[in-house]
Amino acid sequence: MTSMYESIVAGLNEAMAFARGEDTGAVIHHIDVPTIDVAKIRAQTGLSQAEFARSIGVARGRSMAAAGRPARPRSCWR
């Protein structure tokens, strides 16, 4: 049995080999993320920008990083 340290080092070495383009047998998953028209969705709700922002757990007019918060909706923390 390998130690946790050895397992982590092996994983890091595999990641570096993959980054260099070497065949590591890693499985790659491609996910298509649709473009969302947030302004259109907000307009359909009838909420103001501030109300809509609060309802989805973001700061209006600022990026989540600029607001000092993780880029996750509030529901992810439950």
Protein backbone atom coordinates (compact mmCIF):
# COMPACT_ATOMS: atom_id res chain seq x y z
CA MET A 1 0.00 0.00 0.00
CA THR A 2 1.33 3.47 -0.86
CA SER A 3 1.35 6.36 1.52
CA MET A 4 -0.91 9.37 1.04
CA TYR A 5 2.18 11.42 0.16
CA GLU A 6 3.22 8.95 -2.54
CA SER A 7 -0.29 8.91 -3.96
CA ILE A 8 -0.40 12.71 -4.13
CA VAL A 9 3.04 12.87 -5.78
CA ALA A 10 1.98 10.24 -8.33
CA GLY A 11 -1.17 12.23 -9.10
CA LEU A 12 0.79 15.45 -9.52
CA ASN A 13 3.30 13.74 -11.80
CA GLU A 14 0.44 12.37 -13.89
CA ALA A 15 -1.13 15.84 -14.09
CA MET A 16 2.18 17.35 -15.23
CA ALA A 17 2.59 14.63 -17.88
CA PHE A 18 -0.94 15.29 -19.11
CA ALA A 19 -0.20 19.05 -19.26
CA ARG A 20 2.85 18.28 -21.42
CA GLY A 21 0.58 16.41 -23.83
CA GLU A 22 1.70 12.92 -22.88
CA ASP A 23 -0.80 10.07 -23.07
CA THR A 24 -1.68 9.32 -19.46
CA GLY A 25 -4.92 7.48 -20.09
CA ALA A 26 -6.84 10.33 -18.48
CA VAL A 27 -10.50 10.62 -19.42
CA ILE A 28 -11.49 14.06 -20.70
CA HIS A 29 -15.07 15.25 -20.36
CA HIS A 30 -16.28 18.15 -22.52
CA ILE A 31 -19.32 20.00 -21.22
CA ASP A 32 -21.25 22.45 -23.36
CA VAL A 33 -22.51 25.33 -21.23
CA PRO A 34 -25.34 27.25 -22.88
CA THR A 35 -25.31 31.03 -23.12
CA ILE A 36 -27.95 32.49 -20.83
CA ASP A 37 -29.62 35.86 -21.38
CA VAL A 38 -29.81 36.94 -17.74
CA ALA A 39 -31.28 40.34 -18.60
CA LYS A 40 -34.17 38.64 -20.41
CA ILE A 41 -34.79 36.28 -17.49
CA ARG A 42 -34.73 39.18 -15.02
CA ALA A 43 -37.17 41.16 -17.19
CA GLN A 44 -39.55 38.19 -17.20
CA THR A 45 -39.51 38.09 -13.39
CA GLY A 46 -40.45 41.76 -13.05
CA LEU A 47 -37.76 42.23 -10.40
CA SER A 48 -35.37 45.17 -10.27
CA GLN A 49 -31.67 44.44 -10.82
CA ALA A 50 -31.02 44.65 -7.07
CA GLU A 51 -33.98 42.38 -6.21
CA PHE A 52 -33.01 39.84 -8.86
CA ALA A 53 -29.37 39.89 -7.74
CA ARG A 54 -30.40 39.25 -4.13
CA SER A 55 -32.73 36.44 -5.21
CA ILE A 56 -29.84 34.52 -6.83
CA GLY A 57 -27.24 35.45 -4.21
CA VAL A 58 -25.02 37.82 -6.19
CA ALA A 59 -24.04 41.47 -5.87
CA ARG A 60 -25.65 43.80 -8.42
CA GLY A 61 -23.24 45.52 -10.78
CA ARG A 62 -20.09 43.84 -9.50
CA SER A 63 -18.44 40.54 -10.24
CA MET A 64 -18.51 38.00 -7.45
CA ALA A 65 -14.73 38.26 -7.14
CA ALA A 66 -14.92 42.04 -6.78
CA ALA A 67 -17.59 41.58 -4.11
CA GLY A 68 -15.21 39.28 -2.22
CA ARG A 69 -17.54 36.29 -2.47
CA PRO A 70 -17.20 32.89 -4.08
CA ALA A 71 -18.75 32.57 -7.53
CA ARG A 72 -21.54 30.23 -6.43
CA PRO A 73 -25.24 30.82 -5.99
CA ARG A 74 -26.45 30.71 -2.41
CA SER A 75 -28.23 27.38 -3.00
CA CYS A 76 -24.86 25.61 -3.39
CA TRP A 77 -24.06 26.19 0.27
CA ARG A 78 -27.03 24.21 1.60
